[in-house]
C-alpha atoms as a PDB file:
ATOM      1  CA  MET A   1     -55.499-149.223 -95.119  1.00  0.00           C
ATOM      2  CA  PHE A   2     -56.829-152.175 -97.103  1.00  0.00           C
ATOM      3  CA  HIS A   3     -58.594-155.352 -96.087  1.00  0.00           C
ATOM      4  CA  CYS A   4     -57.064-158.434 -97.696  1.00  0.00           C
ATOM      5  CA  VAL A   5     -60.118-160.662 -97.504  1.00  0.00           C
ATOM      6  CA  ALA A   6     -62.001-158.064 -99.553  1.00  0.00           C
ATOM      7  CA  LEU A   7     -59.350-158.531-102.246  1.00  0.00           C
ATOM      8  CA  GLY A   8     -60.377-162.182-102.517  1.00  0.00           C
ATOM      9  CA  LEU A   9     -56.913-163.503-101.651  1.00  0.00           C
ATOM     10  CA  ASP A  10     -56.529-166.964-100.204  1.00  0.00           C
ATOM     11  CA  GLY A  11     -53.511-167.823 -98.059  1.00  0.00           C
ATOM     12  CA  ASP A  12     -51.541-170.207-100.238  1.00  0.00           C
ATOM     13  CA  ARG A  13     -52.219-168.172-103.380  1.00  0.00           C
ATOM     14  CA  VAL A  14     -50.851-164.874-102.084  1.00  0.00           C
ATOM     15  CA  ASN A  15     -47.797-163.729-104.026  1.00  0.00           C
ATOM     16  CA  ARG A  16     -46.015-160.580-105.152  1.00  0.00           C
ATOM     17  CA  GLU A  17     -48.201-160.209-108.217  1.00  0.00           C
ATOM     18  CA  ASN A  18     -51.530-160.139-106.380  1.00  0.00           C
ATOM     19  CA  PHE A  19     -50.222-158.557-103.159  1.00  0.00           C
ATOM     20  CA  PRO A  20     -48.212-155.529-104.334  1.00  0.00           C
ATOM     21  CA  LEU A  21     -46.324-153.636-101.637  1.00  0.00           C
ATOM     22  CA  LEU A  22     -45.203-150.651-103.649  1.00  0.00           C
ATOM     23  CA  SER A  23     -43.813-148.512-100.817  1.00  0.00           C
ATOM     24  CA  LEU A  24     -42.488-151.400 -98.711  1.00  0.00           C
ATOM     25  CA  ARG A  25     -40.847-153.457-101.467  1.00  0.00           C
ATOM     26  CA  LYS A  26     -37.431-151.738-101.342  1.00  0.00           C
ATOM     27  CA  ARG A  27     -37.275-151.916 -97.553  1.00  0.00           C
ATOM     28  CA  LEU A  28     -38.153-155.609 -97.619  1.00  0.00           C
ATOM     29  CA  ARG A  29     -35.326-156.214-100.091  1.00  0.00           C
ATOM     30  CA  LEU A  30     -32.840-154.714 -97.625  1.00  0.00           C
ATOM     31  CA  LEU A  31     -34.343-156.599 -94.697  1.00  0.00           C
ATOM     32  CA  THR A  32     -34.240-159.851 -96.650  1.00  0.00           C
ATOM     33  CA  SER A  33     -30.511-159.423 -97.114  1.00  0.00           C
ATOM     34  CA  GLN A  34     -30.168-158.823 -93.375  1.00  0.00           C
ATOM     35  CA  LEU A  35     -32.284-161.886 -92.666  1.00  0.00           C
ATOM     36  CA  HIS A  36     -30.367-164.274 -94.894  1.00  0.00           C
ATOM     37  CA  ASP A  37     -26.831-162.882 -94.573  1.00  0.00           C
ATOM     38  CA  GLN A  38     -26.619-161.372 -91.097  1.00  0.00           C
ATOM     39  CA  CYS A  39     -28.656-161.807 -87.928  1.00  0.00           C
ATOM     40  CA  GLY A  40     -31.437-164.108 -89.148  1.00  0.00           C
ATOM     41  CA  PHE A  41     -34.468-162.013 -88.219  1.00  0.00           C
ATOM     42  CA  PHE A  42     -36.057-158.583 -88.491  1.00  0.00           C
ATOM     43  CA  ILE A  43     -39.075-156.811 -87.050  1.00  0.00           C
ATOM     44  CA  LEU A  44     -41.634-154.868 -89.039  1.00  0.00           C
ATOM     45  CA  ARG A  45     -43.595-152.323 -87.045  1.00  0.00           C
ATOM     46  CA  GLY A  46     -46.449-149.992 -87.743  1.00  0.00           C
ATOM     47  CA  MET A  47     -49.506-152.174 -88.274  1.00  0.00           C
ATOM     48  CA  ASN A  48     -51.953-152.767 -85.477  1.00  0.00           C
ATOM     49  CA  PRO A  49     -53.292-156.312 -85.911  1.00  0.00           C
ATOM     50  CA  ARG A  50     -56.332-155.454 -83.778  1.00  0.00           C
ATOM     51  CA  GLU A  51     -57.557-153.204 -86.591  1.00  0.00           C
ATOM     52  CA  TYR A  52     -57.867-156.154 -88.999  1.00  0.00           C
ATOM     53  CA  THR A  53     -59.580-159.502 -89.129  1.00  0.00           C
ATOM     54  CA  ALA A  54     -57.682-162.720 -88.507  1.00  0.00           C
ATOM     55  CA  GLY A  55     -57.971-163.433 -92.245  1.00  0.00           C
ATOM     56  CA  ASP A  56     -56.522-160.047 -93.152  1.00  0.00           C
ATOM     57  CA  ASN A  57     -53.617-160.574 -90.749  1.00  0.00           C
ATOM     58  CA  LEU A  58     -52.921-164.020 -92.178  1.00  0.00           C
ATOM     59  CA  VAL A  59     -52.940-162.826 -95.793  1.00  0.00           C
ATOM     60  CA  THR A  60     -50.753-159.841 -94.860  1.00  0.00           C
ATOM     61  CA  PHE A  61     -48.232-162.128 -93.147  1.00  0.00           C
ATOM     62  CA  LEU A  62     -48.134-164.495 -96.109  1.00  0.00           C
ATOM     63  CA  GLY A  63     -47.912-161.607 -98.579  1.00  0.00           C
ATOM     64  CA  ILE A  64     -44.917-160.118 -96.794  1.00  0.00           C
ATOM     65  CA  ALA A  65     -43.367-163.582 -96.474  1.00  0.00           C
ATOM     66  CA  ASP A  66     -43.488-163.965-100.263  1.00  0.00           C
ATOM     67  CA  TYR A  67     -41.221-160.922-100.590  1.00  0.00           C
ATOM     68  CA  VAL A  68     -38.768-162.312 -98.048  1.00  0.00           C
ATOM     69  CA  GLY A  69     -38.430-165.996 -98.899  1.00  0.00           C
ATOM     70  CA  GLN A  70     -38.697-168.122-101.994  1.00  0.00           C
ATOM     71  CA  ARG A  71     -40.505-170.986-100.276  1.00  0.00           C
ATOM     72  CA  ARG A  72     -42.910-171.219 -97.376  1.00  0.00           C
ATOM     73  CA  GLY A  73     -42.511-173.813 -94.693  1.00  0.00           C
ATOM     74  CA  ARG A  74     -45.363-176.000 -93.564  1.00  0.00           C
ATOM     75  CA  GLN A  75     -46.317-176.027 -89.913  1.00  0.00           C
ATOM     76  CA  ASP A  76     -48.010-179.426 -89.873  1.00  0.00           C
ATOM     77  CA  LEU A  77     -48.569-182.597 -91.897  1.00  0.00           C
ATOM     78  CA  SER A  78     -51.841-181.226 -93.291  1.00  0.00           C
ATOM     79  CA  GLY A  79     -49.860-178.569 -95.152  1.00  0.00           C
ATOM     80  CA  ASN A  80     -51.067-175.589 -93.096  1.00  0.00           C
ATOM     81  CA  MET A  81     -48.832-172.525 -93.397  1.00  0.00           C
ATOM     82  CA  LEU A  82     -49.610-171.433 -89.858  1.00  0.00           C
ATOM     83  CA  SER A  83     -51.061-173.336 -86.946  1.00  0.00           C
ATOM     84  CA  THR A  84     -52.152-172.388 -83.469  1.00  0.00           C
END
């Protein structure tokens, strides 16, 4: 597997062009349809977040999110994508 931080990707700059998901792209297209037109959620399985750094997990989440939605929501007034 890859490590996102090593790719030099920063959270708000992650997009389909710099985060290619060649084998997952078609599946995400189907799941996006399910998300927007049917039940409103889906679950992706198969990655163990303990095998990656917090930065890698964040970039992976944001990279996948770019395939699913056209805009990202902010979690707080500072503009953070995710907050704890």
